[in-house]
Amino acid sequence: MPSYGSNPQGFVDEVITPVLNGLGLDSGNTRAPIELLLGTAIQESHLAARVQYGGGPALGLFQMEPNTHNDVWNNFLKYRPNLASAVQAFLAGSPQISATLQNNDQ
């Protein structure tokens, strides 16, 4: 599992851009989605922390809480099967459980 703390461009190149492209959400010639995602990850985890400082429930470089993860699957992706299938492809066979947030950057 790579550390991107001192390599934000690597995070953009290896995680953000491929995921946006894979989901068909690539931004064309605008960098706004990339900058929003990168800025969020930097603010939340400094591109390093995979568990919440202070022992909270948030996981991964974006520091998503398990309840938020579950809500996205149950109340958003459930009604968008094509997008859900594209997201599922990034799980590499892992189940749709929040524990994958800690180590799967995609």
N, C-alpha and C. Protein backbone atom coordinates (compact mmCIF):
# COMPACT_ATOMS: atom_id res chain seq x y z
N MET A 1 0.86 -1.16 0.00
CA MET A 1 0.00 0.00 0.00
C MET A 1 0.91 1.23 0.00
N PRO A 2 0.84 2.01 -1.06
CA PRO A 2 1.73 3.17 -1.18
C PRO A 2 1.36 4.29 -0.22
N SER A 3 2.37 5.08 0.10
CA SER A 3 2.16 6.29 0.88
C SER A 3 2.32 7.47 -0.07
N TYR A 4 1.34 8.34 -0.08
CA TYR A 4 1.37 9.49 -0.99
C TYR A 4 1.63 10.80 -0.27
N GLY A 5 1.97 10.73 1.02
CA GLY A 5 2.14 11.93 1.81
C GLY A 5 3.09 12.94 1.21
N SER A 6 4.15 12.48 0.61
CA SER A 6 5.11 13.40 -0.01
C SER A 6 5.03 13.35 -1.53
N ASN A 7 3.97 12.71 -2.05
CA ASN A 7 3.85 12.55 -3.49
C ASN A 7 2.40 12.76 -3.95
N PRO A 8 1.86 13.97 -3.80
CA PRO A 8 0.48 14.19 -4.22
C PRO A 8 0.26 13.96 -5.71
N GLN A 9 1.25 14.26 -6.54
CA GLN A 9 1.08 14.02 -7.97
C GLN A 9 0.95 12.53 -8.26
N GLY A 10 1.65 11.71 -7.49
CA GLY A 10 1.49 10.27 -7.64
C GLY A 10 0.08 9.82 -7.31
N PHE A 11 -0.52 10.44 -6.30
CA PHE A 11 -1.91 10.13 -5.93
C PHE A 11 -2.85 10.50 -7.08
N VAL A 12 -2.61 11.64 -7.68
CA VAL A 12 -3.42 12.06 -8.83
C VAL A 12 -3.25 11.08 -9.98
N ASP A 13 -2.00 10.74 -10.29
CA ASP A 13 -1.70 9.88 -11.44
C ASP A 13 -2.12 8.43 -11.24
N GLU A 14 -1.97 7.92 -10.02
CA GLU A 14 -2.19 6.50 -9.75
C GLU A 14 -3.58 6.18 -9.21
N VAL A 15 -4.27 7.16 -8.64
CA VAL A 15 -5.56 6.89 -8.02
C VAL A 15 -6.67 7.74 -8.63
N ILE A 16 -6.58 9.04 -8.49
CA ILE A 16 -7.70 9.90 -8.87
C ILE A 16 -8.01 9.82 -10.37
N THR A 17 -7.02 10.05 -11.21
CA THR A 17 -7.27 10.07 -12.66
C THR A 17 -7.75 8.72 -13.18
N PRO A 18 -7.12 7.59 -12.81
CA PRO A 18 -7.63 6.31 -13.31
C PRO A 18 -9.05 6.00 -12.84
N VAL A 19 -9.38 6.39 -11.62
CA VAL A 19 -10.74 6.11 -11.13
C VAL A 19 -11.76 6.98 -11.87
N LEU A 20 -11.47 8.26 -12.01
CA LEU A 20 -12.39 9.11 -12.76
C LEU A 20 -12.58 8.59 -14.18
N ASN A 21 -11.50 8.20 -14.81
CA ASN A 21 -11.60 7.64 -16.17
C ASN A 21 -12.40 6.34 -16.18
N GLY A 22 -12.13 5.46 -15.23
CA GLY A 22 -12.82 4.18 -15.16
C GLY A 22 -14.30 4.30 -14.89
N LEU A 23 -14.68 5.37 -14.21
CA LEU A 23 -16.10 5.59 -13.93
C LEU A 23 -16.77 6.42 -15.01
N GLY A 24 -16.00 6.83 -16.01
CA GLY A 24 -16.56 7.67 -17.06
C GLY A 24 -16.83 9.07 -16.57
N LEU A 25 -16.12 9.48 -15.54
CA LEU A 25 -16.31 10.81 -14.95
C LEU A 25 -15.09 11.69 -15.17
N ASP A 26 -14.29 11.34 -16.18
CA ASP A 26 -13.10 12.15 -16.45
C ASP A 26 -13.54 13.57 -16.80
N SER A 27 -12.73 14.48 -16.42
CA SER A 27 -13.12 15.88 -16.47
C SER A 27 -12.76 16.58 -17.78
N GLY A 28 -12.27 15.86 -18.76
CA GLY A 28 -11.88 16.52 -20.00
C GLY A 28 -10.73 17.47 -19.77
N ASN A 29 -10.95 18.74 -20.02
CA ASN A 29 -9.86 19.69 -19.89
C ASN A 29 -9.94 20.51 -18.60
N THR A 30 -10.84 20.17 -17.69
CA THR A 30 -10.91 20.91 -16.44
C THR A 30 -10.29 20.08 -15.31
N ARG A 31 -9.59 20.74 -14.44
CA ARG A 31 -8.93 20.05 -13.33
C ARG A 31 -9.75 20.13 -12.05
N ALA A 32 -10.91 20.74 -12.08
CA ALA A 32 -11.69 20.96 -10.87
C ALA A 32 -11.99 19.67 -10.10
N PRO A 33 -12.48 18.60 -10.74
CA PRO A 33 -12.74 17.38 -9.97
C PRO A 33 -11.46 16.79 -9.34
N ILE A 34 -10.38 16.85 -10.08
CA ILE A 34 -9.10 16.34 -9.57
C ILE A 34 -8.66 17.15 -8.36
N GLU A 35 -8.73 18.47 -8.49
CA GLU A 35 -8.31 19.33 -7.39
C GLU A 35 -9.21 19.17 -6.17
N LEU A 36 -10.51 18.99 -6.38
CA LEU A 36 -11.43 18.78 -5.26
C LEU A 36 -11.10 17.48 -4.53
N LEU A 37 -10.89 16.41 -5.27
CA LEU A 37 -10.58 15.12 -4.64
C LEU A 37 -9.21 15.16 -3.96
N LEU A 38 -8.23 15.71 -4.62
CA LEU A 38 -6.89 15.81 -4.02
C LEU A 38 -6.93 16.66 -2.77
N GLY A 39 -7.58 17.81 -2.84
CA GLY A 39 -7.67 18.69 -1.67
C GLY A 39 -8.38 18.04 -0.51
N THR A 40 -9.42 17.27 -0.80
CA THR A 40 -10.15 16.56 0.25
C THR A 40 -9.24 15.55 0.94
N ALA A 41 -8.53 14.76 0.15
CA ALA A 41 -7.65 13.74 0.73
C ALA A 41 -6.51 14.37 1.53
N ILE A 42 -5.96 15.46 1.03
CA ILE A 42 -4.89 16.14 1.77
C ILE A 42 -5.42 16.67 3.09
N GLN A 43 -6.58 17.30 3.07
CA GLN A 43 -7.16 17.86 4.29
C GLN A 43 -7.51 16.77 5.30
N GLU A 44 -8.09 15.69 4.82
CA GLU A 44 -8.58 14.65 5.71
C GLU A 44 -7.49 13.76 6.28
N SER A 45 -6.51 13.41 5.48
CA SER A 45 -5.53 12.40 5.92
C SER A 45 -4.08 12.80 5.71
N HIS A 46 -3.85 13.96 5.11
CA HIS A 46 -2.49 14.37 4.71
C HIS A 46 -1.89 13.34 3.75
N LEU A 47 -2.76 12.62 3.05
CA LEU A 47 -2.38 11.56 2.12
C LEU A 47 -1.54 10.47 2.82
N ALA A 48 -1.77 10.29 4.10
CA ALA A 48 -0.97 9.32 4.84
C ALA A 48 -1.81 8.49 5.82
N ALA A 49 -2.65 9.13 6.61
CA ALA A 49 -3.39 8.42 7.66
C ALA A 49 -4.49 7.57 7.05
N ARG A 50 -4.52 6.31 7.41
CA ARG A 50 -5.54 5.40 6.89
C ARG A 50 -6.59 5.05 7.94
N VAL A 51 -6.35 5.48 9.15
CA VAL A 51 -7.35 5.41 10.22
C VAL A 51 -7.43 6.79 10.85
N GLN A 52 -8.58 7.12 11.37
CA GLN A 52 -8.80 8.48 11.89
C GLN A 52 -7.93 8.76 13.10
N TYR A 53 -7.31 9.93 13.08
CA TYR A 53 -6.55 10.38 14.24
C TYR A 53 -7.49 10.44 15.44
N GLY A 54 -7.04 10.01 16.59
CA GLY A 54 -7.86 10.06 17.79
C GLY A 54 -8.79 8.88 17.95
N GLY A 55 -8.72 7.92 17.05
CA GLY A 55 -9.48 6.69 17.20
C GLY A 55 -10.91 6.73 16.70
N GLY A 56 -11.27 7.67 15.85
CA GLY A 56 -12.61 7.72 15.29
C GLY A 56 -12.83 6.66 14.25
N PRO A 57 -14.03 6.62 13.67
CA PRO A 57 -14.37 5.54 12.74
C PRO A 57 -13.90 5.74 11.30
N ALA A 58 -13.44 6.93 10.93
CA ALA A 58 -13.12 7.21 9.53
C ALA A 58 -11.92 6.39 9.06
N LEU A 59 -11.98 5.97 7.79
CA LEU A 59 -10.96 5.09 7.21
C LEU A 59 -10.50 5.60 5.86
N GLY A 60 -9.28 5.26 5.50
CA GLY A 60 -8.75 5.55 4.18
C GLY A 60 -8.24 6.96 4.03
N LEU A 61 -7.67 7.22 2.87
CA LEU A 61 -7.07 8.52 2.62
C LEU A 61 -8.10 9.63 2.52
N PHE A 62 -9.35 9.29 2.23
CA PHE A 62 -10.42 10.29 2.22
C PHE A 62 -11.16 10.35 3.56
N GLN A 63 -10.80 9.46 4.49
CA GLN A 63 -11.38 9.44 5.82
C GLN A 63 -12.91 9.36 5.78
N MET A 64 -13.42 8.37 5.05
CA MET A 64 -14.86 8.14 4.99
C MET A 64 -15.26 7.26 6.17
N GLU A 65 -16.37 7.59 6.79
CA GLU A 65 -16.88 6.78 7.89
C GLU A 65 -17.67 5.59 7.34
N PRO A 66 -17.63 4.45 8.02
CA PRO A 66 -18.35 3.27 7.56
C PRO A 66 -19.84 3.53 7.29
N ASN A 67 -20.50 4.31 8.13
CA ASN A 67 -21.92 4.58 7.90
C ASN A 67 -22.15 5.35 6.60
N THR A 68 -21.24 6.25 6.27
CA THR A 68 -21.35 6.98 5.00
C THR A 68 -21.16 6.03 3.83
N HIS A 69 -20.16 5.18 3.93
CA HIS A 69 -19.92 4.17 2.90
C HIS A 69 -21.18 3.34 2.66
N ASN A 70 -21.76 2.86 3.75
CA ASN A 70 -22.95 2.01 3.62
C ASN A 70 -24.13 2.78 3.04
N ASP A 71 -24.27 4.04 3.42
CA ASP A 71 -25.35 4.86 2.89
C ASP A 71 -25.20 5.08 1.39
N VAL A 72 -23.98 5.29 0.94
CA VAL A 72 -23.74 5.47 -0.50
C VAL A 72 -24.18 4.23 -1.27
N TRP A 73 -23.83 3.04 -0.74
CA TRP A 73 -24.22 1.81 -1.43
C TRP A 73 -25.73 1.57 -1.35
N ASN A 74 -26.32 1.83 -0.19
CA ASN A 74 -27.74 1.51 0.02
C ASN A 74 -28.70 2.53 -0.57
N ASN A 75 -28.31 3.77 -0.66
CA ASN A 75 -29.25 4.81 -1.05
C ASN A 75 -28.86 5.60 -2.29
N PHE A 76 -27.72 5.31 -2.85
CA PHE A 76 -27.31 6.00 -4.08
C PHE A 76 -26.96 5.00 -5.17
N LEU A 77 -25.94 4.19 -4.93
CA LEU A 77 -25.50 3.25 -5.96
C LEU A 77 -26.54 2.16 -6.25
N LYS A 78 -27.31 1.80 -5.27
CA LYS A 78 -28.37 0.80 -5.46
C LYS A 78 -29.31 1.19 -6.61
N TYR A 79 -29.52 2.46 -6.78
CA TYR A 79 -30.44 2.95 -7.81
C TYR A 79 -29.74 3.39 -9.09
N ARG A 80 -28.44 3.15 -9.15
CA ARG A 80 -27.65 3.46 -10.33
C ARG A 80 -26.78 2.23 -10.65
N PRO A 81 -27.40 1.18 -11.18
CA PRO A 81 -26.69 -0.09 -11.36
C PRO A 81 -25.46 -0.01 -12.25
N ASN A 82 -25.49 0.83 -13.27
CA ASN A 82 -24.30 0.94 -14.14
C ASN A 82 -23.13 1.55 -13.38
N LEU A 83 -23.39 2.59 -12.61
CA LEU A 83 -22.34 3.20 -11.81
C LEU A 83 -21.88 2.24 -10.71
N ALA A 84 -22.81 1.55 -10.08
CA ALA A 84 -22.46 0.58 -9.03
C ALA A 84 -21.55 -0.51 -9.59
N SER A 85 -21.85 -0.97 -10.78
CA SER A 85 -21.02 -2.00 -11.41
C SER A 85 -19.62 -1.47 -11.69
N ALA A 86 -19.52 -0.23 -12.15
CA ALA A 86 -18.21 0.37 -12.41
C ALA A 86 -17.43 0.53 -11.11
N VAL A 87 -18.10 0.94 -10.04
CA VAL A 87 -17.44 1.07 -8.74
C VAL A 87 -16.99 -0.31 -8.25
N GLN A 88 -17.85 -1.30 -8.39
CA GLN A 88 -17.53 -2.66 -7.95
C GLN A 88 -16.25 -3.17 -8.62
N ALA A 89 -16.02 -2.77 -9.86
CA ALA A 89 -14.82 -3.22 -10.57
C ALA A 89 -13.54 -2.78 -9.87
N PHE A 90 -13.60 -1.68 -9.14
CA PHE A 90 -12.41 -1.20 -8.42
C PHE A 90 -12.17 -1.96 -7.11
N LEU A 91 -13.10 -2.80 -6.72
CA LEU A 91 -12.94 -3.56 -5.48
C LEU A 91 -12.14 -4.83 -5.68
N ALA A 92 -11.82 -5.16 -6.90
CA ALA A 92 -10.98 -6.32 -7.23
C ALA A 92 -11.45 -7.58 -6.51
N GLY A 93 -12.76 -7.81 -6.54
CA GLY A 93 -13.32 -9.01 -5.94
C GLY A 93 -13.60 -8.91 -4.46
N SER A 94 -13.21 -7.82 -3.82
CA SER A 94 -13.49 -7.63 -2.40
C SER A 94 -14.98 -7.35 -2.22
N PRO A 95 -15.52 -7.70 -1.08
CA PRO A 95 -16.94 -7.39 -0.84
C PRO A 95 -17.15 -5.89 -0.64
N GLN A 96 -18.41 -5.48 -0.76
CA GLN A 96 -18.76 -4.06 -0.60
C GLN A 96 -18.88 -3.72 0.87
N ILE A 97 -17.78 -3.87 1.60
CA ILE A 97 -17.81 -3.57 3.03
C ILE A 97 -16.89 -2.39 3.32
N SER A 98 -17.24 -1.66 4.34
CA SER A 98 -16.49 -0.44 4.64
C SER A 98 -15.04 -0.70 5.03
N ALA A 99 -14.71 -1.88 5.49
CA ALA A 99 -13.33 -2.17 5.87
C ALA A 99 -12.36 -2.01 4.70
N THR A 100 -12.87 -2.15 3.47
CA THR A 100 -11.99 -1.97 2.31
C THR A 100 -11.52 -0.54 2.14
N LEU A 101 -12.20 0.41 2.80
CA LEU A 101 -11.81 1.81 2.69
C LEU A 101 -10.40 2.06 3.20
N GLN A 102 -9.97 1.29 4.18
CA GLN A 102 -8.68 1.55 4.81
C GLN A 102 -7.51 1.33 3.87
N ASN A 103 -7.59 0.32 3.03
CA ASN A 103 -6.41 -0.04 2.22
C ASN A 103 -6.60 0.05 0.72
N ASN A 104 -7.85 0.13 0.24
CA ASN A 104 -8.09 0.23 -1.19
C ASN A 104 -8.27 1.71 -1.53
N ASP A 105 -7.27 2.29 -2.16
CA ASP A 105 -7.31 3.71 -2.48
C ASP A 105 -8.25 4.02 -3.63
N GLN A 106 -8.58 3.02 -4.40
CA GLN A 106 -9.48 3.25 -5.52
C GLN A 106 -10.87 3.03 -5.07
